[in-house]
Amino acid sequence: MKHILGHSTTALDAAGAGLTAREIAQQPVVWPQIDALVSANRAALDAFLAPLLAGAGLRIVLTGAGTSAFLGECLAPAMLAKGWRAEAVPTTDIVSGPYQFLQTDVPTLLVSFARSGSSPESLAAVELADQLVKDVHHLVITCNADGELYRMAQARPNAYALLLPDATHDRGFAMTTSFTTMLLAAALAFGMLPPGAAAVPSAAGAALHATALPLLQSLVAQRFQRVVYLGSNELCGLAREAALKLLELTDGRVVALFDSPLGFRHGPKTIVDRDTLVVVLLSNAAQARRYDLDLLRELRNDGRAGRVLALSGQPMDEAGPDCLVLEAADTACDLALALPYIVFCQSFALLQSLAQGLRPDTPSVSGTVNRVVRGVTIYPVAGGQHVPRG
């Protein structure tokens, strides 16, 4: 690949963007590899997960920090729809409030997502769950064979670790490939996507790379100072991740926030002005899509935003120039739709970063925000007692 998003790879390397650009661009090729990996591990996954999911009263806690936490927010609605008790709880909440977020007498499957597997909170959350929950099991989905979390999981009889290929272990600052591949791996592992499901988002993502550049360039040229991402249900967590990508890669120079389309009316809509871009991540689910489209029309009729962009998996009568319809994605569920959607948002964030004169692979000018979080002190649980498992 000699050019990515209109830039030569030589120029991207010189601008400090080569790692991030390649990691964004590679995703449609990597997703089928994740599909194959989960299929190859299907028997072992079923042996670990099936007895837990069949048990009465299981609580599934989806955890991670930052981007890894938002994976849980994307997955929890789909898990609830399957009848499981699933909650997205960041490791940062578990560490600061273990008695608030871990329930001693409730059988728990802690699903830990981690790019590096070396964040202090990720390791501490596993230790706390083992300490405080009588019946706890761990599913670790990670991108780093050398990470402490992966080694920790291998040493525990109550744990199963799914290690993703090295290509998923993003070397750039921002999580891109690692986010989409962990999302896909979890959706496949729990059967929320069937085997072979990567084919549709992979084709849509590849087509997006080929067709979306003029739209991306026109958005970047407007120099928006505020960007709002809106999504329903599984796509609300994705909207949060899209906002974080823009904040990270622009070093906070572009204000970005997220909400659900219905929630946005209840106060947050006041942020919209002529310097604001609103991006609506339209659901393919019929019920949610009605509400998404209502707000899309409302925002456009208000005429206050600089632009209102819609990303859609289905054709739209009112598409217009500010609607990007993904190729052959009209029947995809929202978890599958999330993959090409976030590629568009990642690409926008990268181009915005370059337009700001930043180096996307290391965008923090002050150096105070790091790829793997530093400076976290993990304190012992005050008054905590070890809970023996019998």
Protein backbone atom coordinates (compact mmCIF):
# COMPACT_ATOMS: atom_id res chain seq x y z
CA MET A 1 0.00 0.00 0.00
CA LYS A 2 1.81 3.10 -1.27
CA HIS A 3 -0.89 5.65 -0.49
CA ILE A 4 -3.26 5.88 2.48
CA LEU A 5 -5.99 8.51 2.73
CA GLY A 6 -4.48 10.57 -0.06
CA HIS A 7 -0.96 10.62 1.37
CA SER A 8 2.04 8.58 0.32
CA THR A 9 3.34 6.25 2.99
CA THR A 10 6.69 8.03 2.72
CA ALA A 11 5.04 11.35 3.54
CA LEU A 12 3.04 9.78 6.36
CA ASP A 13 6.19 8.33 7.90
CA ALA A 14 7.89 11.72 7.69
CA ALA A 15 4.87 13.36 9.35
CA GLY A 16 4.87 10.89 12.23
CA ALA A 17 1.64 9.24 11.04
CA GLY A 18 2.85 6.07 9.34
CA LEU A 19 2.04 3.64 12.14
CA THR A 20 -1.47 4.95 12.76
CA ALA A 21 -2.32 5.25 9.07
CA ARG A 22 -1.24 1.68 8.33
CA GLU A 23 -3.10 0.36 11.37
CA ILE A 24 -6.30 2.08 10.25
CA ALA A 25 -5.93 0.93 6.66
CA GLN A 26 -5.16 -2.72 7.44
CA GLN A 27 -8.36 -3.44 9.34
CA PRO A 28 -10.56 -4.84 6.53
CA VAL A 29 -7.78 -7.33 5.76
CA VAL A 30 -7.24 -8.32 9.40
CA TRP A 31 -10.91 -8.90 10.32
CA PRO A 32 -11.23 -12.20 8.40
CA GLN A 33 -8.14 -13.41 10.27
CA ILE A 34 -9.99 -12.86 13.55
CA ASP A 35 -12.96 -14.79 12.18
CA ALA A 36 -10.63 -17.70 11.36
CA LEU A 37 -8.88 -17.47 14.75
CA VAL A 38 -12.13 -17.71 16.72
CA SER A 39 -13.28 -20.62 14.54
CA ALA A 40 -9.99 -22.41 15.22
CA ASN A 41 -10.48 -21.89 18.96
CA ARG A 42 -14.20 -22.67 18.92
CA ALA A 43 -14.03 -25.97 20.76
CA ALA A 44 -11.87 -24.59 23.56
CA LEU A 45 -13.99 -21.44 23.85
CA ASP A 46 -17.18 -23.50 24.06
CA ALA A 47 -15.67 -25.77 26.68
CA PHE A 48 -14.87 -22.72 28.80
CA LEU A 49 -17.92 -20.52 28.12
CA ALA A 50 -20.84 -22.92 27.65
CA PRO A 51 -21.00 -24.20 31.26
CA LEU A 52 -20.77 -20.63 32.57
CA LEU A 53 -23.46 -19.25 30.27
CA ALA A 54 -25.74 -22.16 31.12
CA GLY A 55 -25.41 -21.53 34.84
CA ALA A 56 -28.09 -19.71 36.79
CA GLY A 57 -27.53 -16.08 37.71
CA LEU A 58 -24.26 -15.50 35.84
CA ARG A 59 -23.16 -11.87 35.70
CA ILE A 60 -20.94 -10.93 32.75
CA VAL A 61 -18.75 -7.91 33.50
CA LEU A 62 -17.10 -6.42 30.41
CA THR A 63 -14.09 -4.42 31.47
CA GLY A 64 -11.08 -2.46 30.29
CA ALA A 65 -9.77 1.09 30.50
CA GLY A 66 -10.39 3.89 27.99
CA THR A 67 -10.98 2.47 24.52
CA SER A 68 -10.94 -1.06 25.95
CA ALA A 69 -13.79 -0.09 28.29
CA PHE A 70 -15.86 1.20 25.37
CA LEU A 71 -15.75 -2.28 23.86
CA GLY A 72 -17.97 -3.37 26.72
CA GLU A 73 -20.39 -0.52 26.03
CA CYS A 74 -20.71 -1.72 22.43
CA LEU A 75 -21.20 -5.37 23.41
CA ALA A 76 -23.47 -5.15 26.46
CA PRO A 77 -26.71 -4.24 24.60
CA ALA A 78 -26.29 -7.20 22.23
CA MET A 79 -25.58 -9.53 25.17
CA LEU A 80 -28.66 -8.31 27.02
CA ALA A 81 -30.70 -9.03 23.90
CA LYS A 82 -29.55 -12.67 24.13
CA GLY A 83 -30.91 -12.88 27.66
CA TRP A 84 -27.61 -12.62 29.54
CA ARG A 85 -26.96 -10.29 32.45
CA ALA A 86 -24.17 -8.17 31.02
CA GLU A 87 -22.68 -4.92 32.28
CA ALA A 88 -19.87 -2.71 31.02
CA VAL A 89 -17.78 -1.64 34.04
CA PRO A 90 -14.40 0.03 33.42
CA THR A 91 -11.39 -1.31 35.28
CA THR A 92 -10.91 2.22 36.57
CA ASP A 93 -14.27 1.92 38.39
CA ILE A 94 -13.54 -1.57 39.70
CA VAL A 95 -10.20 -0.46 41.15
CA SER A 96 -11.59 2.67 42.82
CA GLY A 97 -14.81 1.03 44.04
CA PRO A 98 -14.41 -2.75 44.22
CA TYR A 99 -17.25 -3.22 46.71
CA GLN A 100 -19.57 -1.11 44.57
CA PHE A 101 -18.88 -2.98 41.32
CA LEU A 102 -18.00 -6.56 42.37
CA GLN A 103 -20.68 -8.72 44.00
CA THR A 104 -19.27 -11.37 46.32
CA ASP A 105 -22.09 -13.91 46.06
CA VAL A 106 -22.93 -13.49 42.35
CA PRO A 107 -21.28 -15.90 39.87
CA THR A 108 -19.23 -13.65 37.60
CA LEU A 109 -17.45 -13.88 34.28
CA LEU A 110 -15.00 -10.99 34.04
CA VAL A 111 -14.21 -10.30 30.38
CA SER A 112 -11.02 -8.23 30.21
CA PHE A 113 -10.06 -6.37 27.04
CA ALA A 114 -6.51 -5.09 26.69
CA ARG A 115 -4.28 -3.98 23.86
CA SER A 116 -1.02 -4.15 25.80
CA GLY A 117 -2.24 -6.06 28.84
CA SER A 118 0.09 -4.02 31.02
CA SER A 119 -2.19 -1.27 32.34
CA PRO A 120 -2.09 -1.29 36.15
CA GLU A 121 -5.88 -1.15 36.44
CA SER A 122 -6.36 -4.18 34.15
CA LEU A 123 -4.14 -6.34 36.33
CA ALA A 124 -5.63 -5.01 39.55
CA ALA A 125 -9.21 -5.66 38.39
CA VAL A 126 -8.44 -9.36 37.87
CA GLU A 127 -6.78 -9.61 41.26
CA LEU A 128 -9.68 -7.85 42.97
CA ALA A 129 -12.24 -10.11 41.32
CA ASP A 130 -10.32 -13.17 42.47
CA GLN A 131 -10.09 -11.72 45.96
CA LEU A 132 -13.67 -10.54 46.42
CA VAL A 133 -15.94 -12.79 44.30
CA LYS A 134 -16.54 -16.35 45.47
CA ASP A 135 -17.27 -17.81 42.02
CA VAL A 136 -15.36 -15.91 39.33
CA HIS A 137 -13.96 -16.82 35.92
CA HIS A 138 -11.93 -14.72 33.50
CA LEU A 139 -12.00 -14.39 29.72
CA VAL A 140 -9.06 -12.29 28.54
CA ILE A 141 -9.03 -10.92 25.00
CA THR A 142 -5.72 -9.23 24.28
CA CYS A 143 -3.34 -8.27 21.49
CA ASN A 144 -0.01 -8.72 23.26
CA ALA A 145 1.63 -12.09 23.92
CA ASP A 146 4.15 -10.35 26.19
CA GLY A 147 1.52 -8.56 28.26
CA GLU A 148 1.22 -9.27 31.96
CA LEU A 149 -2.52 -9.83 31.66
CA TYR A 150 -2.02 -12.61 29.11
CA ARG A 151 0.58 -14.32 31.31
CA MET A 152 -1.64 -13.90 34.35
CA ALA A 153 -4.59 -15.54 32.59
CA GLN A 154 -2.50 -18.51 31.48
CA ALA A 155 -1.50 -19.19 35.07
CA ARG A 156 -5.07 -19.25 36.42
CA PRO A 157 -7.24 -22.38 36.30
CA ASN A 158 -10.35 -20.18 36.21
CA ALA A 159 -9.26 -18.24 33.12
CA TYR A 160 -9.14 -18.52 29.34
CA ALA A 161 -7.04 -16.17 27.20
CA LEU A 162 -7.73 -15.44 23.54
CA LEU A 163 -4.59 -13.94 22.03
CA LEU A 164 -5.10 -12.00 18.79
CA PRO A 165 -2.46 -11.84 16.01
CA ASP A 166 0.50 -9.51 16.45
CA ALA A 167 -0.84 -7.23 13.68
CA THR A 168 -3.63 -6.23 16.06
CA HIS A 169 -1.16 -4.90 18.64
CA ASP A 170 -1.19 -1.25 17.55
CA ARG A 171 2.18 0.44 17.86
CA GLY A 172 0.73 3.91 17.34
CA PHE A 173 -0.63 5.91 20.27
CA ALA A 174 -4.30 5.44 19.46
CA MET A 175 -6.08 2.09 19.52
CA THR A 176 -7.48 1.38 16.06
CA THR A 177 -6.97 -2.20 14.81
CA SER A 178 -6.88 -3.42 18.41
CA PHE A 179 -10.33 -1.93 19.08
CA THR A 180 -12.10 -3.41 16.07
CA THR A 181 -10.46 -6.82 16.33
CA MET A 182 -11.21 -7.23 20.03
CA LEU A 183 -14.80 -6.17 19.35
CA LEU A 184 -15.10 -8.69 16.54
CA ALA A 185 -13.39 -11.46 18.52
CA ALA A 186 -15.77 -11.03 21.46
CA ALA A 187 -18.86 -10.87 19.25
CA LEU A 188 -17.79 -14.10 17.53
CA ALA A 189 -16.71 -15.83 20.74
CA PHE A 190 -20.12 -15.27 22.35
CA GLY A 191 -22.01 -16.14 19.17
CA MET A 192 -23.45 -12.67 18.67
CA LEU A 193 -21.97 -12.83 15.17
CA PRO A 194 -21.91 -16.12 13.23
CA PRO A 195 -18.78 -17.62 11.68
CA GLY A 196 -17.93 -15.82 8.47
CA ALA A 197 -19.55 -12.59 9.66
CA ALA A 198 -16.36 -10.60 9.04
CA ALA A 199 -16.91 -10.76 5.29
CA VAL A 200 -19.54 -8.00 5.14
CA PRO A 201 -17.74 -5.37 7.26
CA SER A 202 -14.46 -6.27 5.54
CA ALA A 203 -15.94 -5.56 2.10
CA ALA A 204 -17.65 -2.40 3.36
CA GLY A 205 -14.45 -1.18 5.01
CA ALA A 206 -12.39 -1.78 1.87
CA ALA A 207 -14.95 0.07 -0.27
CA LEU A 208 -15.00 2.92 2.25
CA HIS A 209 -11.25 3.40 1.88
CA ALA A 210 -11.71 3.62 -1.88
CA THR A 211 -14.63 6.08 -1.94
CA ALA A 212 -14.74 8.18 1.24
CA LEU A 213 -11.62 10.32 0.78
CA PRO A 214 -13.31 13.32 -0.93
CA LEU A 215 -15.89 13.49 1.85
CA LEU A 216 -13.23 13.20 4.55
CA GLN A 217 -11.12 15.91 2.94
CA SER A 218 -14.07 18.29 2.69
CA LEU A 219 -14.88 17.77 6.38
CA VAL A 220 -11.29 18.39 7.45
CA ALA A 221 -11.09 21.53 5.29
CA GLN A 222 -13.92 23.14 7.29
CA ARG A 223 -11.79 23.13 10.46
CA PHE A 224 -14.63 22.30 12.83
CA GLN A 225 -13.91 23.18 16.44
CA ARG A 226 -16.53 20.79 17.82
CA VAL A 227 -17.56 17.32 16.67
CA VAL A 228 -20.48 15.31 18.05
CA TYR A 229 -20.94 11.58 17.42
CA LEU A 230 -24.38 10.07 18.00
CA GLY A 231 -25.37 6.40 18.06
CA SER A 232 -28.07 4.19 19.54
CA ASN A 233 -27.59 1.06 21.66
CA GLU A 234 -24.43 -0.79 20.50
CA LEU A 235 -23.53 2.28 18.44
CA CYS A 236 -23.62 4.61 21.46
CA GLY A 237 -20.46 2.97 22.79
CA LEU A 238 -19.00 3.31 19.32
CA ALA A 239 -19.85 7.02 19.29
CA ARG A 240 -17.94 7.37 22.54
CA GLU A 241 -14.90 5.65 21.01
CA ALA A 242 -15.11 7.88 17.92
CA ALA A 243 -15.09 10.98 20.13
CA LEU A 244 -12.09 9.72 22.08
CA LYS A 245 -10.14 9.03 18.85
CA LEU A 246 -10.62 12.62 17.76
CA LEU A 247 -9.64 14.00 21.16
CA GLU A 248 -6.55 11.81 21.32
CA LEU A 249 -5.28 12.39 17.80
CA THR A 250 -5.87 16.16 17.88
CA ASP A 251 -4.33 16.44 21.38
CA GLY A 252 -7.61 17.89 22.65
CA ARG A 253 -7.61 20.80 20.19
CA VAL A 254 -10.92 19.68 18.69
CA VAL A 255 -13.68 19.27 21.26
CA ALA A 256 -15.45 15.95 20.75
CA LEU A 257 -18.36 14.40 22.60
CA PHE A 258 -20.89 11.63 22.16
CA ASP A 259 -24.48 10.78 23.02
CA SER A 260 -27.44 8.75 21.87
CA PRO A 261 -29.76 10.44 19.34
CA LEU A 262 -32.65 10.46 21.83
CA GLY A 263 -30.44 11.59 24.71
CA PHE A 264 -28.89 14.42 22.70
CA ARG A 265 -32.08 16.49 22.85
CA HIS A 266 -31.99 16.53 26.64
CA GLY A 267 -29.45 19.31 27.06
CA PRO A 268 -26.30 18.32 25.14
CA LYS A 269 -27.79 19.64 21.90
CA THR A 270 -26.95 23.15 23.14
CA ILE A 271 -23.35 22.63 21.99
CA VAL A 272 -24.37 22.79 18.32
CA ASP A 273 -23.28 25.92 16.43
CA ARG A 274 -21.79 26.82 13.05
CA ASP A 275 -18.42 25.40 14.08
CA THR A 276 -19.94 22.02 14.94
CA LEU A 277 -19.97 18.82 12.90
CA VAL A 278 -22.57 16.27 13.96
CA VAL A 279 -22.08 12.67 12.83
CA VAL A 280 -25.09 10.35 13.20
CA LEU A 281 -24.20 6.65 13.17
CA LEU A 282 -27.45 5.26 11.84
CA SER A 283 -28.61 1.91 13.19
CA ASN A 284 -29.74 -0.92 10.94
CA ALA A 285 -32.18 -2.04 13.65
CA ALA A 286 -35.65 -0.85 12.60
CA GLN A 287 -36.77 0.47 15.99
CA ALA A 288 -33.63 2.48 16.71
CA ARG A 289 -33.30 3.69 13.12
CA ARG A 290 -36.66 5.49 13.32
CA TYR A 291 -35.40 7.62 16.18
CA ASP A 292 -32.00 8.13 14.55
CA LEU A 293 -33.62 9.43 11.36
CA ASP A 294 -35.97 11.70 13.30
CA LEU A 295 -33.04 13.44 14.97
CA LEU A 296 -31.07 13.58 11.72
CA ARG A 297 -33.95 15.44 10.05
CA GLU A 298 -34.38 17.68 13.09
CA LEU A 299 -30.73 18.71 13.13
CA ARG A 300 -30.75 19.46 9.43
CA ASN A 301 -33.99 21.43 9.70
CA ASP A 302 -32.61 23.42 12.66
CA GLY A 303 -29.86 24.75 10.39
CA ARG A 304 -27.56 25.49 13.33
CA ALA A 305 -24.79 22.96 12.77
CA GLY A 306 -21.95 23.54 10.35
CA ARG A 307 -22.70 20.12 8.87
CA VAL A 308 -24.75 17.08 9.79
CA LEU A 309 -23.32 13.85 8.40
CA ALA A 310 -25.03 10.47 8.40
CA LEU A 311 -23.29 7.11 8.14
CA SER A 312 -25.69 4.41 7.00
CA GLY A 313 -25.69 0.73 6.21
CA GLN A 314 -28.94 1.06 4.28
CA PRO A 315 -29.88 3.23 1.29
CA MET A 316 -31.68 6.45 2.18
CA ASP A 317 -34.18 8.53 0.22
CA GLU A 318 -32.80 11.72 1.75
CA ALA A 319 -29.16 10.70 1.49
CA GLY A 320 -27.68 13.78 -0.22
CA PRO A 321 -23.99 14.69 -0.22
CA ASP A 322 -23.69 14.42 3.56
CA CYS A 323 -24.66 10.78 3.80
CA LEU A 324 -22.19 7.94 3.38
CA VAL A 325 -23.97 4.66 2.59
CA LEU A 326 -21.79 1.61 3.11
CA GLU A 327 -21.56 -0.98 0.39
CA ALA A 328 -23.62 -4.18 0.82
CA ALA A 329 -24.20 -3.56 4.54
CA ASP A 330 -27.98 -3.18 4.51
CA THR A 331 -28.62 -6.44 6.41
CA ALA A 332 -25.66 -6.24 8.80
CA CYS A 333 -26.40 -6.12 12.51
CA ASP A 334 -25.12 -3.09 14.37
CA LEU A 335 -22.12 -4.92 15.86
CA ALA A 336 -20.93 -5.72 12.34
CA LEU A 337 -21.81 -2.22 11.13
CA ALA A 338 -19.69 -0.75 13.91
CA LEU A 339 -16.47 -1.96 12.28
CA PRO A 340 -16.56 0.08 9.04
CA TYR A 341 -18.24 2.97 10.85
CA ILE A 342 -15.30 3.38 13.22
CA VAL A 343 -12.80 3.11 10.35
CA PHE A 344 -14.39 6.23 8.89
CA CYS A 345 -14.18 8.01 12.26
CA GLN A 346 -10.57 6.92 12.81
CA SER A 347 -9.65 8.17 9.33
CA PHE A 348 -11.26 11.53 10.02
CA ALA A 349 -9.35 11.82 13.30
CA LEU A 350 -6.04 11.01 11.60
CA LEU A 351 -6.57 13.63 8.88
CA GLN A 352 -7.65 16.18 11.49
CA SER A 353 -4.48 15.48 13.43
CA LEU A 354 -2.32 16.09 10.36
CA ALA A 355 -4.25 19.28 9.60
CA GLN A 356 -3.42 20.50 13.12
CA GLY A 357 0.27 19.99 12.43
CA LEU A 358 0.50 17.14 14.93
CA ARG A 359 2.25 13.78 14.70
CA PRO A 360 -0.58 11.21 15.03
CA ASP A 361 1.69 8.36 16.14
CA THR A 362 2.67 10.48 19.17
CA PRO A 363 0.07 13.28 19.30
CA SER A 364 0.53 14.47 22.89
CA VAL A 365 2.73 17.55 22.51
CA SER A 366 3.24 17.84 26.27
CA GLY A 367 4.05 14.16 26.62
CA THR A 368 1.70 13.89 29.59
CA VAL A 369 -0.62 11.34 27.92
CA ASN A 370 0.99 8.03 27.04
CA ARG A 371 0.24 4.96 24.96
CA VAL A 372 0.28 2.77 28.10
CA VAL A 373 -0.93 4.65 31.17
CA ARG A 374 1.76 5.50 33.71
CA GLY A 375 1.81 6.84 37.22
CA VAL A 376 -1.13 4.82 38.60
CA THR A 377 -0.71 3.70 42.21
CA ILE A 378 -2.82 0.64 43.08
CA TYR A 379 -3.86 0.73 46.73
CA PRO A 380 -4.88 -2.28 48.82
CA VAL A 381 -8.59 -2.69 49.43
CA ALA A 382 -9.40 -0.90 52.67
CA GLY A 383 -10.78 -3.40 55.17
CA GLY A 384 -10.97 -6.05 52.45
CA GLN A 385 -10.86 -9.71 53.34
CA HIS A 386 -9.87 -12.54 51.03
CA VAL A 387 -12.95 -14.54 50.02
CA PRO A 388 -12.07 -18.24 49.80
CA ARG A 389 -13.56 -20.21 46.92
CA GLY A 390 -14.64 -23.71 47.83
